[in-house]
N, C-alpha and C. Protein backbone atom coordinates (compact mmCIF):
# COMPACT_ATOMS: atom_id res chain seq x y z
N MET A 1 -4.25 -7.72 25.79
CA MET A 1 -4.80 -7.39 24.43
C MET A 1 -4.24 -8.54 23.44
N PRO A 2 -5.11 -8.83 22.56
CA PRO A 2 -4.83 -9.98 21.60
C PRO A 2 -4.02 -9.34 20.41
N GLN A 3 -3.29 -10.20 20.02
CA GLN A 3 -2.24 -9.82 18.89
C GLN A 3 -2.91 -9.53 17.64
N PRO A 4 -2.55 -8.47 16.86
CA PRO A 4 -3.26 -8.17 15.67
C PRO A 4 -3.14 -9.44 14.58
N THR A 5 -4.24 -9.48 13.94
CA THR A 5 -4.24 -10.68 13.08
C THR A 5 -3.21 -10.71 11.89
N TYR A 6 -2.79 -9.54 11.35
CA TYR A 6 -1.71 -9.39 10.36
C TYR A 6 -0.20 -10.00 10.80
N LYS A 7 -0.25 -9.96 12.06
CA LYS A 7 1.03 -10.67 12.58
C LYS A 7 0.85 -12.24 12.43
N ASN A 8 -0.20 -12.77 12.11
CA ASN A 8 -0.19 -14.08 11.92
C ASN A 8 0.01 -14.56 10.47
N LEU A 9 0.11 -13.60 9.57
CA LEU A 9 0.31 -13.79 8.09
C LEU A 9 1.88 -13.96 7.88
N LYS A 10 2.16 -15.15 7.11
CA LYS A 10 3.42 -15.41 6.77
C LYS A 10 3.92 -14.18 5.97
N ALA A 11 3.20 -13.66 5.07
CA ALA A 11 3.54 -12.80 4.22
C ALA A 11 4.12 -11.58 5.03
N TRP A 12 3.43 -11.13 6.07
CA TRP A 12 3.88 -10.02 7.00
C TRP A 12 5.12 -10.38 7.60
N THR A 13 5.44 -11.46 8.04
CA THR A 13 6.41 -12.01 8.90
C THR A 13 7.65 -12.03 8.02
N GLU A 14 7.49 -12.62 6.78
CA GLU A 14 8.70 -12.53 5.95
C GLU A 14 9.05 -11.31 5.38
N ALA A 15 8.04 -10.37 5.05
CA ALA A 15 8.28 -9.09 4.64
C ALA A 15 9.09 -8.21 5.60
N SER A 16 8.64 -8.53 6.96
CA SER A 16 9.35 -7.76 8.09
C SER A 16 10.99 -8.27 8.09
N ASP A 17 11.13 -9.71 8.13
CA ASP A 17 12.46 -10.18 7.80
C ASP A 17 13.21 -9.49 6.71
N LEU A 18 12.53 -9.25 5.53
CA LEU A 18 13.13 -8.47 4.41
C LEU A 18 13.42 -7.31 4.96
N VAL A 19 12.68 -6.51 5.60
CA VAL A 19 13.21 -5.14 6.19
C VAL A 19 14.47 -5.25 6.96
N ALA A 20 14.42 -6.20 7.87
CA ALA A 20 15.76 -6.43 8.62
C ALA A 20 17.01 -6.60 7.88
N ALA A 21 16.84 -7.48 6.87
CA ALA A 21 17.91 -7.75 5.90
C ALA A 21 18.32 -6.55 5.15
N THR A 22 17.29 -5.67 4.59
CA THR A 22 17.64 -4.65 3.81
C THR A 22 18.44 -3.45 4.70
N TYR A 23 17.82 -3.35 5.89
CA TYR A 23 18.70 -2.44 6.86
C TYR A 23 20.00 -2.78 7.07
N SER A 24 20.21 -4.14 7.43
CA SER A 24 21.60 -4.71 7.48
C SER A 24 22.45 -4.56 6.31
N LEU A 25 21.88 -4.73 4.81
CA LEU A 25 22.65 -4.46 3.63
C LEU A 25 23.17 -2.93 3.44
N CYS A 26 22.10 -2.07 3.99
CA CYS A 26 22.54 -0.73 3.75
C CYS A 26 23.63 -0.24 4.86
N ALA A 27 23.40 -0.85 6.12
CA ALA A 27 24.48 -0.68 7.04
C ALA A 27 25.93 -1.17 6.51
N LYS A 28 25.83 -2.33 6.22
CA LYS A 28 26.99 -3.11 5.51
C LYS A 28 27.79 -2.35 4.52
N HIS A 29 26.97 -1.74 3.64
CA HIS A 29 27.60 -0.98 2.40
C HIS A 29 27.31 0.41 2.54
N LYS A 30 27.42 1.05 3.65
CA LYS A 30 27.08 2.34 3.84
C LYS A 30 28.12 3.37 3.26
N ARG A 31 29.35 2.82 3.09
CA ARG A 31 30.42 3.58 2.31
C ARG A 31 30.16 3.68 0.89
N HIS A 32 29.43 2.74 0.38
CA HIS A 32 29.16 2.71 -1.09
C HIS A 32 27.67 3.31 -1.46
N ILE A 33 26.74 3.12 -0.70
CA ILE A 33 25.33 3.45 -0.96
C ILE A 33 25.18 4.71 -0.33
N ASP A 34 24.93 5.77 -1.22
CA ASP A 34 24.83 7.22 -0.52
C ASP A 34 23.53 7.26 0.24
N ARG A 35 23.43 8.18 1.06
CA ARG A 35 22.37 8.32 2.10
C ARG A 35 20.89 8.43 1.48
N LYS A 36 20.79 9.10 0.46
CA LYS A 36 19.50 9.18 -0.17
C LYS A 36 18.97 7.96 -0.84
N LEU A 37 20.03 7.18 -1.48
CA LEU A 37 19.46 5.84 -2.00
C LEU A 37 19.13 4.87 -0.86
N ALA A 38 19.90 4.96 0.19
CA ALA A 38 19.79 4.00 1.32
C ALA A 38 18.38 4.28 2.00
N GLU A 39 18.06 5.72 2.01
CA GLU A 39 16.75 6.16 2.61
C GLU A 39 15.68 5.51 1.68
N GLN A 40 15.79 5.75 0.24
CA GLN A 40 14.83 5.24 -0.53
C GLN A 40 14.60 3.55 -0.47
N ILE A 41 15.72 2.88 -0.41
CA ILE A 41 15.70 1.47 -0.24
C ILE A 41 14.97 1.09 1.03
N ARG A 42 15.38 1.64 2.07
CA ARG A 42 14.70 1.36 3.44
C ARG A 42 13.18 1.66 3.26
N SER A 43 12.83 2.71 2.67
CA SER A 43 11.53 3.17 2.65
C SER A 43 10.67 2.08 1.83
N ALA A 44 11.20 1.71 0.71
CA ALA A 44 10.38 0.76 -0.16
C ALA A 44 10.34 -0.52 0.62
N ALA A 45 11.27 -0.95 1.41
CA ALA A 45 11.20 -2.17 2.28
C ALA A 45 10.25 -2.09 3.37
N VAL A 46 10.20 -0.88 4.22
CA VAL A 46 9.35 -0.74 5.11
C VAL A 46 7.89 -0.77 4.68
N SER A 47 7.69 -0.27 3.67
CA SER A 47 6.26 -0.14 2.75
C SER A 47 5.58 -1.47 2.65
N ILE A 48 6.39 -2.42 2.49
CA ILE A 48 5.84 -3.74 2.23
C ILE A 48 5.10 -4.37 3.22
N PRO A 49 5.68 -4.63 4.34
CA PRO A 49 4.82 -5.20 5.71
C PRO A 49 3.93 -4.02 6.13
N SER A 50 4.31 -2.94 5.99
CA SER A 50 3.23 -1.73 6.46
C SER A 50 2.01 -1.83 5.69
N ASN A 51 1.97 -2.08 4.41
CA ASN A 51 0.81 -2.13 3.48
C ASN A 51 0.04 -3.38 3.71
N ILE A 52 0.79 -4.50 4.06
CA ILE A 52 0.09 -5.77 4.32
C ILE A 52 -0.79 -5.60 5.72
N ALA A 53 -0.07 -4.92 6.51
CA ALA A 53 -0.74 -4.74 7.94
C ALA A 53 -1.92 -3.73 7.85
N GLU A 54 -1.72 -2.55 7.03
CA GLU A 54 -2.74 -1.79 6.80
C GLU A 54 -4.05 -2.34 6.18
N GLY A 55 -3.57 -3.09 5.07
CA GLY A 55 -4.74 -3.86 4.53
C GLY A 55 -5.58 -4.69 5.03
N SER A 56 -4.78 -5.44 5.96
CA SER A 56 -5.36 -6.37 6.94
C SER A 56 -6.42 -5.85 7.89
N GLY A 57 -6.05 -4.53 8.33
CA GLY A 57 -6.98 -3.91 9.11
C GLY A 57 -8.10 -3.22 8.65
N ARG A 58 -8.18 -3.09 7.34
CA ARG A 58 -9.39 -2.41 6.65
C ARG A 58 -10.48 -3.27 6.74
N GLY A 59 -11.77 -2.66 6.39
CA GLY A 59 -13.08 -3.16 6.72
C GLY A 59 -13.46 -4.18 5.37
N THR A 60 -12.89 -3.98 4.42
CA THR A 60 -13.38 -4.67 3.15
C THR A 60 -12.35 -5.53 2.52
N GLN A 61 -12.72 -6.37 1.86
CA GLN A 61 -11.78 -7.29 0.86
C GLN A 61 -11.12 -6.44 -0.13
N LYS A 62 -11.91 -5.53 -0.72
CA LYS A 62 -11.37 -4.57 -1.83
C LYS A 62 -10.25 -3.87 -1.16
N ASP A 63 -10.52 -3.14 0.00
CA ASP A 63 -9.47 -2.32 0.65
C ASP A 63 -8.31 -3.06 0.98
N ALA A 64 -8.26 -4.34 1.51
CA ALA A 64 -7.28 -5.24 1.76
C ALA A 64 -6.61 -5.51 0.47
N LEU A 65 -7.18 -5.78 -0.61
CA LEU A 65 -6.56 -6.12 -1.94
C LEU A 65 -5.85 -4.95 -2.54
N ARG A 66 -6.34 -3.74 -2.40
CA ARG A 66 -5.86 -2.58 -2.86
C ARG A 66 -4.40 -2.37 -2.08
N PHE A 67 -4.17 -2.61 -0.78
CA PHE A 67 -3.09 -2.26 -0.03
C PHE A 67 -2.11 -3.62 -0.37
N LEU A 68 -2.54 -4.73 -0.63
CA LEU A 68 -1.73 -5.90 -1.15
C LEU A 68 -1.07 -5.44 -2.43
N TYR A 69 -1.75 -4.82 -3.43
CA TYR A 69 -1.14 -4.35 -4.62
C TYR A 69 -0.20 -3.30 -4.41
N ILE A 70 -0.29 -2.56 -3.49
CA ILE A 70 0.76 -1.48 -3.08
C ILE A 70 1.98 -2.10 -2.61
N ALA A 71 1.77 -3.13 -1.71
CA ALA A 71 2.86 -3.82 -1.05
C ALA A 71 3.66 -4.39 -2.22
N ARG A 72 2.90 -4.98 -3.19
CA ARG A 72 3.69 -5.75 -4.24
C ARG A 72 4.39 -4.60 -5.18
N GLY A 73 3.81 -3.58 -5.40
CA GLY A 73 4.58 -2.53 -6.13
C GLY A 73 5.75 -2.10 -5.34
N SER A 74 5.75 -1.78 -4.11
CA SER A 74 6.99 -1.64 -3.19
C SER A 74 7.93 -2.71 -3.25
N LEU A 75 7.57 -3.93 -3.38
CA LEU A 75 8.35 -4.98 -3.56
C LEU A 75 9.11 -4.95 -4.91
N ASN A 76 8.35 -4.68 -6.02
CA ASN A 76 9.04 -4.55 -7.06
C ASN A 76 10.02 -3.32 -7.25
N GLU A 77 9.64 -2.36 -6.51
CA GLU A 77 10.58 -1.22 -6.28
C GLU A 77 11.88 -1.55 -5.67
N LEU A 78 11.84 -2.15 -4.64
CA LEU A 78 12.79 -2.70 -3.86
C LEU A 78 13.64 -3.65 -4.58
N GLU A 79 13.32 -4.50 -5.34
CA GLU A 79 14.09 -5.50 -6.36
C GLU A 79 14.86 -4.64 -7.20
N THR A 80 14.04 -3.69 -7.80
CA THR A 80 14.83 -2.76 -8.80
C THR A 80 16.00 -2.05 -8.19
N GLN A 81 15.62 -1.42 -7.03
CA GLN A 81 16.97 -0.85 -6.29
C GLN A 81 18.18 -1.78 -6.06
N PHE A 82 17.86 -2.93 -5.58
CA PHE A 82 18.82 -3.88 -5.35
C PHE A 82 19.53 -4.23 -6.72
N ASP A 83 18.82 -4.42 -7.80
CA ASP A 83 19.35 -4.60 -9.17
C ASP A 83 20.38 -3.54 -9.44
N ILE A 84 19.91 -2.23 -9.36
CA ILE A 84 20.66 -1.07 -9.60
C ILE A 84 21.99 -1.17 -8.89
N CYS A 85 21.83 -1.32 -7.58
CA CYS A 85 22.92 -1.35 -6.64
C CYS A 85 23.97 -2.24 -7.11
N GLU A 86 23.54 -3.39 -7.57
CA GLU A 86 24.51 -4.46 -8.00
C GLU A 86 25.19 -4.10 -9.34
N ARG A 87 24.33 -3.71 -10.30
CA ARG A 87 24.83 -3.20 -11.66
C ARG A 87 25.85 -2.19 -11.57
N THR A 88 25.59 -1.21 -10.53
CA THR A 88 26.63 -0.08 -10.39
C THR A 88 27.78 -0.37 -9.48
N GLY A 89 27.94 -1.72 -9.03
CA GLY A 89 28.86 -1.88 -8.20
C GLY A 89 28.90 -1.51 -6.66
N LEU A 90 27.81 -1.03 -6.24
CA LEU A 90 27.50 -0.70 -5.01
C LEU A 90 27.25 -1.81 -3.89
N ILE A 91 26.71 -3.04 -4.43
CA ILE A 91 26.68 -4.31 -3.70
C ILE A 91 27.25 -5.21 -4.47
N PRO A 92 27.85 -6.39 -3.93
CA PRO A 92 28.23 -7.58 -4.79
C PRO A 92 27.11 -8.56 -5.19
N PRO A 93 27.25 -9.16 -6.29
CA PRO A 93 26.26 -9.98 -6.78
C PRO A 93 25.60 -10.90 -5.64
N ASP A 94 26.47 -11.49 -4.73
CA ASP A 94 26.23 -12.51 -3.98
C ASP A 94 25.07 -11.83 -2.82
N ASP A 95 25.35 -10.52 -2.42
CA ASP A 95 24.37 -9.95 -1.51
C ASP A 95 23.14 -9.78 -2.23
N ARG A 96 23.02 -9.41 -3.47
CA ARG A 96 21.84 -9.20 -4.09
C ARG A 96 21.12 -10.44 -4.26
N LEU A 97 21.69 -11.59 -4.53
CA LEU A 97 21.09 -12.96 -4.72
C LEU A 97 20.56 -13.27 -3.36
N VAL A 98 20.96 -13.21 -2.30
CA VAL A 98 20.49 -13.52 -1.04
C VAL A 98 19.01 -12.68 -0.74
N LEU A 99 19.20 -11.40 -1.19
CA LEU A 99 18.04 -10.52 -0.96
C LEU A 99 16.91 -11.01 -1.99
N LEU A 100 17.36 -11.37 -3.19
CA LEU A 100 16.50 -11.77 -4.40
C LEU A 100 15.70 -13.02 -3.90
N GLU A 101 16.35 -14.05 -3.03
CA GLU A 101 15.63 -15.11 -2.69
C GLU A 101 14.46 -14.63 -1.58
N LYS A 102 14.82 -13.73 -0.80
CA LYS A 102 13.75 -13.11 0.26
C LYS A 102 12.71 -12.55 -0.54
N THR A 103 12.99 -11.65 -1.61
CA THR A 103 11.87 -10.93 -2.19
C THR A 103 11.09 -11.99 -3.14
N THR A 104 11.71 -12.90 -3.69
CA THR A 104 10.87 -14.02 -4.36
C THR A 104 9.88 -14.65 -3.43
N LEU A 105 10.41 -15.05 -2.21
CA LEU A 105 9.38 -15.50 -1.25
C LEU A 105 8.43 -14.53 -0.89
N VAL A 106 8.58 -13.39 -0.51
CA VAL A 106 7.56 -12.51 -0.30
C VAL A 106 6.49 -12.27 -1.32
N ALA A 107 7.03 -12.34 -2.56
CA ALA A 107 6.25 -11.89 -3.77
C ALA A 107 5.31 -13.22 -3.93
N ARG A 108 5.78 -14.41 -3.70
CA ARG A 108 4.87 -15.49 -3.66
C ARG A 108 3.79 -15.54 -2.59
N LEU A 109 4.22 -15.07 -1.36
CA LEU A 109 3.29 -14.99 -0.31
C LEU A 109 2.19 -13.91 -0.50
N ILE A 110 2.57 -12.75 -1.08
CA ILE A 110 1.69 -11.67 -1.43
C ILE A 110 0.74 -12.08 -2.51
N GLY A 111 1.21 -12.65 -3.48
CA GLY A 111 0.57 -13.36 -4.54
C GLY A 111 -0.67 -14.27 -4.14
N GLY A 112 -0.31 -15.02 -3.24
CA GLY A 112 -1.38 -16.01 -2.51
C GLY A 112 -2.38 -15.15 -1.70
N LEU A 113 -2.02 -14.11 -1.10
CA LEU A 113 -2.95 -13.39 -0.47
C LEU A 113 -3.92 -12.59 -1.45
N ILE A 114 -3.26 -12.19 -2.54
CA ILE A 114 -4.01 -11.54 -3.59
C ILE A 114 -5.07 -12.43 -4.08
N LYS A 115 -4.58 -13.66 -4.49
CA LYS A 115 -5.57 -14.63 -4.96
C LYS A 115 -6.80 -14.92 -4.07
N TYR A 116 -6.28 -15.04 -2.75
CA TYR A 116 -7.29 -15.45 -1.53
C TYR A 116 -8.37 -14.25 -1.68
N ARG A 117 -7.87 -12.98 -1.65
CA ARG A 117 -8.83 -11.83 -1.44
C ARG A 117 -9.61 -11.74 -2.64
N LEU A 118 -9.09 -12.12 -3.89
CA LEU A 118 -9.77 -11.93 -5.10
C LEU A 118 -11.04 -13.10 -5.12
N ARG A 119 -10.64 -14.21 -4.66
CA ARG A 119 -11.74 -15.29 -4.46
C ARG A 119 -12.79 -14.92 -3.49
N ARG A 120 -12.44 -14.22 -2.24
CA ARG A 120 -13.45 -13.73 -1.30
C ARG A 120 -14.23 -12.68 -2.05
N ILE A 121 -13.66 -11.83 -2.71
CA ILE A 121 -14.53 -10.79 -3.37
C ILE A 121 -15.61 -11.31 -4.42
N HIS A 122 -14.99 -12.35 -5.17
CA HIS A 122 -15.85 -13.09 -6.18
C HIS A 122 -16.96 -13.88 -5.45
N ASN A 123 -16.63 -14.60 -4.26
CA ASN A 123 -17.50 -15.29 -3.61
C ASN A 123 -18.61 -14.46 -2.81
N ASP A 124 -18.22 -13.40 -2.39
CA ASP A 124 -19.13 -12.38 -1.68
C ASP A 124 -20.14 -11.65 -2.59
N THR A 125 -19.85 -11.60 -3.93
CA THR A 125 -20.59 -10.89 -4.93
C THR A 125 -21.95 -11.65 -5.16
N PRO A 126 -23.05 -11.07 -5.02
CA PRO A 126 -24.27 -11.68 -5.45
C PRO A 126 -24.36 -11.83 -6.99
N THR A 127 -25.11 -13.07 -7.25
CA THR A 127 -25.00 -13.23 -8.83
C THR A 127 -26.44 -13.25 -9.11
N ASP A 128 -26.73 -12.76 -10.37
CA ASP A 128 -28.02 -13.03 -10.95
C ASP A 128 -28.21 -14.32 -11.52
N LYS A 129 -29.33 -14.93 -11.21
CA LYS A 129 -29.69 -16.32 -11.67
C LYS A 129 -30.78 -16.23 -12.69
């Protein structure tokens, strides 16, 4: 069986790596980060590659774009949660900075996919001459 195409996307790969790093962070600081917050952080992280994959499997450019926007929203949510954890002393600034580097890369990659999908939508739309 051939590999799904979303697994070839660097955005999906890096977002999946971000999930692993997020889970490691929650485990490392489980004495400080309460269970509900850890669940919310992990959920936001998992949502990113999941929405990239789901959008990739949809039939239209517009559907794919919609899921990329959802992934970007989840990424913003995750960054906010990392910021809150650092501001409240639940994680040290160095841990947040490491994760911020990863979120910045994922944000750039998702932004590139959004631009690509927008161009495809624009190019696929018939124009009146």
